[in-house]
């Protein structure tokens, strides 16, 4: 057993547990509001994916001040 299972009592979910969790969600939010909640979650995930796919700047991988080894003022290692 790992730490989370021992401390929190979280284990594998069976069919009954998932059914009870779904029933609790329906009771808390109502059947009409659940599609709105999932739609909002889907839009948030889509925006996150789009933001992570945006082009990253190329200058990030280049050195800030390239050192010329023939330059007498260049720092020696």
PDB file of N, CA and C in Angstrom:
ATOM      1  N   UNK A   1       0.842  -1.194   0.000  1.00  0.00           N
ATOM      2  CA  UNK A   1       0.000   0.000   0.000  1.00  0.00           C
ATOM      3  C   UNK A   1       0.881   1.250   0.000  1.00  0.00           C
ATOM      4  N   UNK A   2       0.423   2.258  -0.711  1.00  0.00           N
ATOM      5  CA  UNK A   2       1.190   3.493  -0.727  1.00  0.00           C
ATOM      6  C   UNK A   2       0.627   4.484   0.303  1.00  0.00           C
ATOM      7  N   UNK A   3       1.290   5.604   0.419  1.00  0.00           N
ATOM      8  CA  UNK A   3       0.958   6.605   1.438  1.00  0.00           C
ATOM      9  C   UNK A   3      -0.455   7.156   1.277  1.00  0.00           C
ATOM     10  N   UNK A   4      -0.861   7.468   0.029  1.00  0.00           N
ATOM     11  CA  UNK A   4      -2.194   8.047  -0.200  1.00  0.00           C
ATOM     12  C   UNK A   4      -3.294   7.057   0.186  1.00  0.00           C
ATOM     13  N   UNK A   5      -3.087   5.793  -0.104  1.00  0.00           N
ATOM     14  CA  UNK A   5      -4.090   4.792   0.237  1.00  0.00           C
ATOM     15  C   UNK A   5      -4.233   4.667   1.748  1.00  0.00           C
ATOM     16  N   UNK A   6      -3.122   4.674   2.445  1.00  0.00           N
ATOM     17  CA  UNK A   6      -3.168   4.544   3.900  1.00  0.00           C
ATOM     18  C   UNK A   6      -3.747   5.779   4.569  1.00  0.00           C
ATOM     19  N   UNK A   7      -3.314   6.946   4.134  1.00  0.00           N
ATOM     20  CA  UNK A   7      -3.714   8.185   4.799  1.00  0.00           C
ATOM     21  C   UNK A   7      -5.129   8.615   4.436  1.00  0.00           C
ATOM     22  N   UNK A   8      -5.453   8.585   3.161  1.00  0.00           N
ATOM     23  CA  UNK A   8      -6.725   9.123   2.698  1.00  0.00           C
ATOM     24  C   UNK A   8      -7.796   8.058   2.470  1.00  0.00           C
ATOM     25  N   UNK A   9      -7.411   6.805   2.471  1.00  0.00           N
ATOM     26  CA  UNK A   9      -8.381   5.756   2.213  1.00  0.00           C
ATOM     27  C   UNK A   9      -8.819   5.712   0.762  1.00  0.00           C
ATOM     28  N   UNK A  10      -7.987   6.234  -0.137  1.00  0.00           N
ATOM     29  CA  UNK A  10      -8.318   6.247  -1.560  1.00  0.00           C
ATOM     30  C   UNK A  10      -7.778   4.976  -2.184  1.00  0.00           C
ATOM     31  N   UNK A  11      -8.638   4.237  -2.835  1.00  0.00           N
ATOM     32  CA  UNK A  11      -8.233   3.011  -3.505  1.00  0.00           C
ATOM     33  C   UNK A  11      -8.812   2.971  -4.893  1.00  0.00           C
ATOM     34  N   UNK A  12      -8.967   1.791  -5.414  1.00  0.00           N
ATOM     35  CA  UNK A  12      -9.575   1.626  -6.736  1.00  0.00           C
ATOM     36  C   UNK A  12     -11.080   1.826  -6.628  1.00  0.00           C
ATOM     37  N   UNK A  13     -11.645   2.530  -7.597  1.00  0.00           N
ATOM     38  CA  UNK A  13     -13.074   2.766  -7.616  1.00  0.00           C
ATOM     39  C   UNK A  13     -13.756   1.664  -8.414  1.00  0.00           C
ATOM     40  N   UNK A  14     -14.799   1.096  -7.843  1.00  0.00           N
ATOM     41  CA  UNK A  14     -15.596   0.104  -8.551  1.00  0.00           C
ATOM     42  C   UNK A  14     -16.819   0.770  -9.154  1.00  0.00           C
ATOM     43  N   UNK A  15     -17.666  -0.027  -9.744  1.00  0.00           N
ATOM     44  CA  UNK A  15     -18.868   0.492 -10.382  1.00  0.00           C
ATOM     45  C   UNK A  15     -19.815   1.156  -9.408  1.00  0.00           C
ATOM     46  N   UNK A  16     -19.952   0.575  -8.219  1.00  0.00           N
ATOM     47  CA  UNK A  16     -20.865   1.139  -7.221  1.00  0.00           C
ATOM     48  C   UNK A  16     -20.395   2.513  -6.755  1.00  0.00           C
ATOM     49  N   UNK A  17     -19.094   2.641  -6.515  1.00  0.00           N
ATOM     50  CA  UNK A  17     -18.560   3.922  -6.053  1.00  0.00           C
ATOM     51  C   UNK A  17     -18.738   5.010  -7.102  1.00  0.00           C
ATOM     52  N   UNK A  18     -18.468   4.673  -8.348  1.00  0.00           N
ATOM     53  CA  UNK A  18     -18.626   5.656  -9.429  1.00  0.00           C
ATOM     54  C   UNK A  18     -20.085   6.061  -9.573  1.00  0.00           C
ATOM     55  N   UNK A  19     -20.992   5.111  -9.432  1.00  0.00           N
ATOM     56  CA  UNK A  19     -22.417   5.398  -9.502  1.00  0.00           C
ATOM     57  C   UNK A  19     -22.853   6.325  -8.372  1.00  0.00           C
ATOM     58  N   UNK A  20     -22.348   6.080  -7.180  1.00  0.00           N
ATOM     59  CA  UNK A  20     -22.684   6.939  -6.043  1.00  0.00           C
ATOM     60  C   UNK A  20     -22.124   8.356  -6.212  1.00  0.00           C
ATOM     61  N   UNK A  21     -20.924   8.463  -6.741  1.00  0.00           N
ATOM     62  CA  UNK A  21     -20.333   9.783  -6.985  1.00  0.00           C
ATOM     63  C   UNK A  21     -21.144  10.532  -8.039  1.00  0.00           C
ATOM     64  N   UNK A  22     -21.555   9.842  -9.092  1.00  0.00           N
ATOM     65  CA  UNK A  22     -22.383  10.465 -10.133  1.00  0.00           C
ATOM     66  C   UNK A  22     -23.721  10.924  -9.580  1.00  0.00           C
ATOM     67  N   UNK A  23     -24.330  10.108  -8.729  1.00  0.00           N
ATOM     68  CA  UNK A  23     -25.598  10.477  -8.110  1.00  0.00           C
ATOM     69  C   UNK A  23     -25.440  11.701  -7.208  1.00  0.00           C
ATOM     70  N   UNK A  24     -24.336  11.761  -6.470  1.00  0.00           N
ATOM     71  CA  UNK A  24     -24.080  12.922  -5.609  1.00  0.00           C
ATOM     72  C   UNK A  24     -23.901  14.186  -6.444  1.00  0.00           C
ATOM     73  N   UNK A  25     -23.219  14.081  -7.579  1.00  0.00           N
ATOM     74  CA  UNK A  25     -23.028  15.249  -8.452  1.00  0.00           C
ATOM     75  C   UNK A  25     -24.367  15.722  -8.999  1.00  0.00           C
ATOM     76  N   UNK A  26     -25.213  14.786  -9.399  1.00  0.00           N
ATOM     77  CA  UNK A  26     -26.536  15.163  -9.917  1.00  0.00           C
ATOM     78  C   UNK A  26     -27.360  15.850  -8.831  1.00  0.00           C
ATOM     79  N   UNK A  27     -27.287  15.338  -7.607  1.00  0.00           N
ATOM     80  CA  UNK A  27     -28.039  15.951  -6.512  1.00  0.00           C
ATOM     81  C   UNK A  27     -27.522  17.345  -6.170  1.00  0.00           C
ATOM     82  N   UNK A  28     -26.199  17.524  -6.233  1.00  0.00           N
ATOM     83  CA  UNK A  28     -25.618  18.827  -5.883  1.00  0.00           C
ATOM     84  C   UNK A  28     -25.876  19.889  -6.949  1.00  0.00           C
ATOM     85  N   UNK A  29     -25.687  19.538  -8.206  1.00  0.00           N
ATOM     86  CA  UNK A  29     -25.739  20.543  -9.266  1.00  0.00           C
ATOM     87  C   UNK A  29     -27.034  20.527 -10.061  1.00  0.00           C
ATOM     88  N   UNK A  30     -27.737  19.432 -10.068  1.00  0.00           N
ATOM     89  CA  UNK A  30     -28.946  19.331 -10.874  1.00  0.00           C
ATOM     90  C   UNK A  30     -28.612  18.858 -12.270  1.00  0.00           C
ATOM     91  N   UNK A  31     -29.524  18.127 -12.865  1.00  0.00           N
ATOM     92  CA  UNK A  31     -29.280  17.515 -14.174  1.00  0.00           C
ATOM     93  C   UNK A  31     -29.146  18.561 -15.285  1.00  0.00           C
ATOM     94  N   UNK A  32     -29.793  19.712 -15.147  1.00  0.00           N
ATOM     95  CA  UNK A  32     -29.730  20.731 -16.198  1.00  0.00           C
ATOM     96  C   UNK A  32     -28.403  21.473 -16.202  1.00  0.00           C
ATOM     97  N   UNK A  33     -27.746  21.550 -15.070  1.00  0.00           N
ATOM     98  CA  UNK A  33     -26.528  22.342 -14.968  1.00  0.00           C
ATOM     99  C   UNK A  33     -25.274  21.542 -15.316  1.00  0.00           C
ATOM    100  N   UNK A  34     -25.343  20.224 -15.253  1.00  0.00           N
ATOM    101  CA  UNK A  34     -24.163  19.390 -15.494  1.00  0.00           C
ATOM    102  C   UNK A  34     -23.581  19.587 -16.898  1.00  0.00           C
ATOM    103  N   UNK A  35     -24.381  19.617 -17.975  1.00  0.00           N
ATOM    104  CA  UNK A  35     -23.778  19.869 -19.301  1.00  0.00           C
ATOM    105  C   UNK A  35     -23.042  21.207 -19.376  1.00  0.00           C
ATOM    106  N   UNK A  36     -23.547  22.221 -18.694  1.00  0.00           N
ATOM    107  CA  UNK A  36     -22.860  23.510 -18.674  1.00  0.00           C
ATOM    108  C   UNK A  36     -21.505  23.399 -17.980  1.00  0.00           C
ATOM    109  N   UNK A  37     -21.462  22.652 -16.898  1.00  0.00           N
ATOM    110  CA  UNK A  37     -20.197  22.471 -16.181  1.00  0.00           C
ATOM    111  C   UNK A  37     -19.163  21.768 -17.055  1.00  0.00           C
ATOM    112  N   UNK A  38     -19.582  20.681 -17.711  1.00  0.00           N
ATOM    113  CA  UNK A  38     -18.650  19.949 -18.553  1.00  0.00           C
ATOM    114  C   UNK A  38     -18.256  20.755 -19.788  1.00  0.00           C
ATOM    115  N   UNK A  39     -19.150  21.560 -20.315  1.00  0.00           N
ATOM    116  CA  UNK A  39     -18.825  22.416 -21.458  1.00  0.00           C
ATOM    117  C   UNK A  39     -17.760  23.428 -21.066  1.00  0.00           C
ATOM    118  N   UNK A  40     -17.923  24.019 -19.885  1.00  0.00           N
ATOM    119  CA  UNK A  40     -16.926  24.971 -19.398  1.00  0.00           C
ATOM    120  C   UNK A  40     -15.579  24.320 -19.162  1.00  0.00           C
ATOM    121  N   UNK A  41     -15.600  23.090 -18.624  1.00  0.00           N
ATOM    122  CA  UNK A  41     -14.334  22.377 -18.418  1.00  0.00           C
ATOM    123  C   UNK A  41     -13.674  22.068 -19.757  1.00  0.00           C
ATOM    124  N   UNK A  42     -14.466  21.671 -20.735  1.00  0.00           N
ATOM    125  CA  UNK A  42     -13.927  21.374 -22.061  1.00  0.00           C
ATOM    126  C   UNK A  42     -13.309  22.598 -22.721  1.00  0.00           C
ATOM    127  N   UNK A  43     -13.965  23.745 -22.576  1.00  0.00           N
ATOM    128  CA  UNK A  43     -13.417  24.984 -23.140  1.00  0.00           C
ATOM    129  C   UNK A  43     -12.115  25.356 -22.455  1.00  0.00           C
ATOM    130  N   UNK A  44     -12.041  25.165 -21.149  1.00  0.00           N
ATOM    131  CA  UNK A  44     -10.809  25.462 -20.420  1.00  0.00           C
ATOM    132  C   UNK A  44      -9.668  24.569 -20.861  1.00  0.00           C
ATOM    133  N   UNK A  45      -9.951  23.287 -21.042  1.00  0.00           N
ATOM    134  CA  UNK A  45      -8.918  22.352 -21.497  1.00  0.00           C
ATOM    135  C   UNK A  45      -8.477  22.697 -22.908  1.00  0.00           C
ATOM    136  N   UNK A  46      -9.425  23.061 -23.774  1.00  0.00           N
ATOM    137  CA  UNK A  46      -9.096  23.429 -25.155  1.00  0.00           C
ATOM    138  C   UNK A  46      -8.216  24.679 -25.190  1.00  0.00           C
ATOM    139  N   UNK A  47      -8.541  25.678 -24.374  1.00  0.00           N
ATOM    140  CA  UNK A  47      -7.722  26.894 -24.329  1.00  0.00           C
ATOM    141  C   UNK A  47      -6.322  26.592 -23.821  1.00  0.00           C
ATOM    142  N   UNK A  48      -6.224  25.706 -22.838  1.00  0.00           N
ATOM    143  CA  UNK A  48      -4.910  25.338 -22.321  1.00  0.00           C
ATOM    144  C   UNK A  48      -4.070  24.647 -23.396  1.00  0.00           C
ATOM    145  N   UNK A  49      -4.684  23.733 -24.150  1.00  0.00           N
ATOM    146  CA  UNK A  49      -3.966  23.045 -25.221  1.00  0.00           C
ATOM    147  C   UNK A  49      -3.535  24.026 -26.297  1.00  0.00           C
ATOM    148  N   UNK A  50      -4.431  24.949 -26.669  1.00  0.00           N
ATOM    149  CA  UNK A  50      -4.080  25.936 -27.699  1.00  0.00           C
ATOM    150  C   UNK A  50      -2.929  26.815 -27.240  1.00  0.00           C
ATOM    151  N   UNK A  51      -2.942  27.214 -25.976  1.00  0.00           N
ATOM    152  CA  UNK A  51      -1.870  28.061 -25.461  1.00  0.00           C
ATOM    153  C   UNK A  51      -0.544  27.308 -25.413  1.00  0.00           C
ATOM    154  N   UNK A  52      -0.594  26.014 -25.134  1.00  0.00           N
ATOM    155  CA  UNK A  52       0.653  25.255 -25.063  1.00  0.00           C
ATOM    156  C   UNK A  52       1.193  24.927 -26.452  1.00  0.00           C
ATOM    157  N   UNK A  53       0.359  24.994 -27.490  1.00  0.00           N
ATOM    158  CA  UNK A  53       0.804  24.709 -28.851  1.00  0.00           C
ATOM    159  C   UNK A  53       1.354  25.942 -29.553  1.00  0.00           C
ATOM    160  N   UNK A  54       1.172  27.117 -28.957  1.00  0.00           N
ATOM    161  CA  UNK A  54       1.650  28.339 -29.600  1.00  0.00           C
ATOM    162  C   UNK A  54       3.157  28.268 -29.808  1.00  0.00           C
ATOM    163  N   UNK A  55       3.605  28.969 -30.838  1.00  0.00           N
ATOM    164  CA  UNK A  55       5.012  28.966 -31.161  1.00  0.00           C
ATOM    165  C   UNK A  55       5.814  29.602 -30.042  1.00  0.00           C
ATOM    166  N   UNK A  56       6.868  28.927 -29.679  1.00  0.00           N
ATOM    167  CA  UNK A  56       7.740  29.443 -28.628  1.00  0.00           C
ATOM    168  C   UNK A  56       8.849  30.272 -29.279  1.00  0.00           C
ATOM    169  N   UNK A  57       9.307  31.306 -28.614  1.00  0.00           N
ATOM    170  CA  UNK A  57      10.361  32.134 -29.217  1.00  0.00           C
ATOM    171  C   UNK A  57      11.650  31.338 -29.410  1.00  0.00           C
ATOM    172  N   UNK A  58      12.283  31.572 -30.559  1.00  0.00           N
ATOM    173  CA  UNK A  58      13.504  30.837 -30.892  1.00  0.00           C
ATOM    174  C   UNK A  58      14.706  31.324 -30.096  1.00  0.00           C
ATOM    175  N   UNK A  59      14.690  32.564 -29.657  1.00  0.00           N
ATOM    176  CA  UNK A  59      15.855  33.114 -28.984  1.00  0.00           C
ATOM    177  C   UNK A  59      16.082  32.459 -27.625  1.00  0.00           C
ATOM    178  N   UNK A  60      15.134  31.704 -27.128  1.00  0.00           N
ATOM    179  CA  UNK A  60      15.280  31.067 -25.830  1.00  0.00           C
ATOM    180  C   UNK A  60      16.410  30.036 -25.832  1.00  0.00           C
ATOM    181  N   UNK A  61      16.663  29.394 -26.977  1.00  0.00           N
ATOM    182  CA  UNK A  61      17.666  28.342 -27.044  1.00  0.00           C
ATOM    183  C   UNK A  61      19.052  28.867 -27.405  1.00  0.00           C
ATOM    184  N   UNK A  62      19.144  30.120 -27.749  1.00  0.00           N
ATOM    185  CA  UNK A  62      20.443  30.698 -28.121  1.00  0.00           C
ATOM    186  C   UNK A  62      21.122  31.308 -26.900  1.00  0.00           C
ATOM    187  N   UNK A  63      22.460  31.296 -26.872  1.00  0.00           N
ATOM    188  CA  UNK A  63      23.153  31.961 -25.757  1.00  0.00           C
ATOM    189  C   UNK A  63      22.963  33.474 -25.838  1.00  0.00           C
ATOM    190  N   UNK A  64      22.926  34.116 -24.706  1.00  0.00           N
ATOM    191  CA  UNK A  64      22.692  35.552 -24.656  1.00  0.00           C
ATOM    192  C   UNK A  64      23.879  36.302 -25.251  1.00  0.00           C
ATOM    193  N   UNK A  65      25.073  35.988 -24.816  1.00  0.00           N
ATOM    194  CA  UNK A  65      26.286  36.619 -25.324  1.00  0.00           C
ATOM    195  C   UNK A  65      27.219  35.528 -25.831  1.00  0.00           C
ATOM    196  N   UNK A  66      27.205  35.272 -27.132  1.00  0.00           N
ATOM    197  CA  UNK A  66      28.113  34.236 -27.628  1.00  0.00           C
ATOM    198  C   UNK A  66      29.566  34.653 -27.413  1.00  0.00           C
ATOM    199  N   UNK A  67      30.371  33.710 -26.968  1.00  0.00           N
ATOM    200  CA  UNK A  67      31.779  33.989 -26.654  1.00  0.00           C
ATOM    201  C   UNK A  67      32.637  33.597 -27.843  1.00  0.00           C
ATOM    202  N   UNK A  68      33.478  34.519 -28.282  1.00  0.00           N
ATOM    203  CA  UNK A  68      34.425  34.267 -29.353  1.00  0.00           C
ATOM    204  C   UNK A  68      35.722  33.785 -28.708  1.00  0.00           C
ATOM    205  N   UNK A  69      36.155  32.551 -28.979  1.00  0.00           N
ATOM    206  CA  UNK A  69      37.370  32.041 -28.320  1.00  0.00           C
ATOM    207  C   UNK A  69      38.633  32.794 -28.721  1.00  0.00           C
ATOM    208  N   UNK A  70      38.630  33.505 -29.856  1.00  0.00           N
ATOM    209  CA  UNK A  70      39.803  34.256 -30.303  1.00  0.00           C
ATOM    210  C   UNK A  70      39.860  35.650 -29.706  1.00  0.00           C
ATOM    211  N   UNK A  71      38.836  36.053 -28.986  1.00  0.00           N
ATOM    212  CA  UNK A  71      38.783  37.371 -28.380  1.00  0.00           C
ATOM    213  C   UNK A  71      39.633  37.379 -27.107  1.00  0.00           C
ATOM    214  N   UNK A  72      40.620  38.292 -27.011  1.00  0.00           N
ATOM    215  CA  UNK A  72      41.477  38.312 -25.812  1.00  0.00           C
ATOM    216  C   UNK A  72      40.703  38.719 -24.555  1.00  0.00           C
ATOM    217  N   UNK A  73      39.574  39.402 -24.683  1.00  0.00           N
ATOM    218  CA  UNK A  73      38.801  39.842 -23.521  1.00  0.00           C
ATOM    219  C   UNK A  73      37.813  38.755 -23.061  1.00  0.00           C
ATOM    220  N   UNK A  74      37.748  37.659 -23.804  1.00  0.00           N
ATOM    221  CA  UNK A  74      36.804  36.589 -23.458  1.00  0.00           C
ATOM    222  C   UNK A  74      37.235  35.908 -22.166  1.00  0.00           C
ATOM    223  N   UNK A  75      36.285  35.563 -21.318  1.00  0.00           N
ATOM    224  CA  UNK A  75      36.651  34.883 -20.063  1.00  0.00           C
ATOM    225  C   UNK A  75      37.202  33.493 -20.338  1.00  0.00           C
ATOM    226  N   UNK A  76      38.238  33.129 -19.598  1.00  0.00           N
ATOM    227  CA  UNK A  76      38.872  31.824 -19.756  1.00  0.00           C
ATOM    228  C   UNK A  76      38.268  30.846 -18.741  1.00  0.00           C
ATOM    229  N   UNK A  77      38.172  29.606 -19.157  1.00  0.00           N
ATOM    230  CA  UNK A  77      37.604  28.590 -18.250  1.00  0.00           C
ATOM    231  C   UNK A  77      38.686  27.876 -17.507  1.00  0.00           C
TER     232      UNK A  77
END
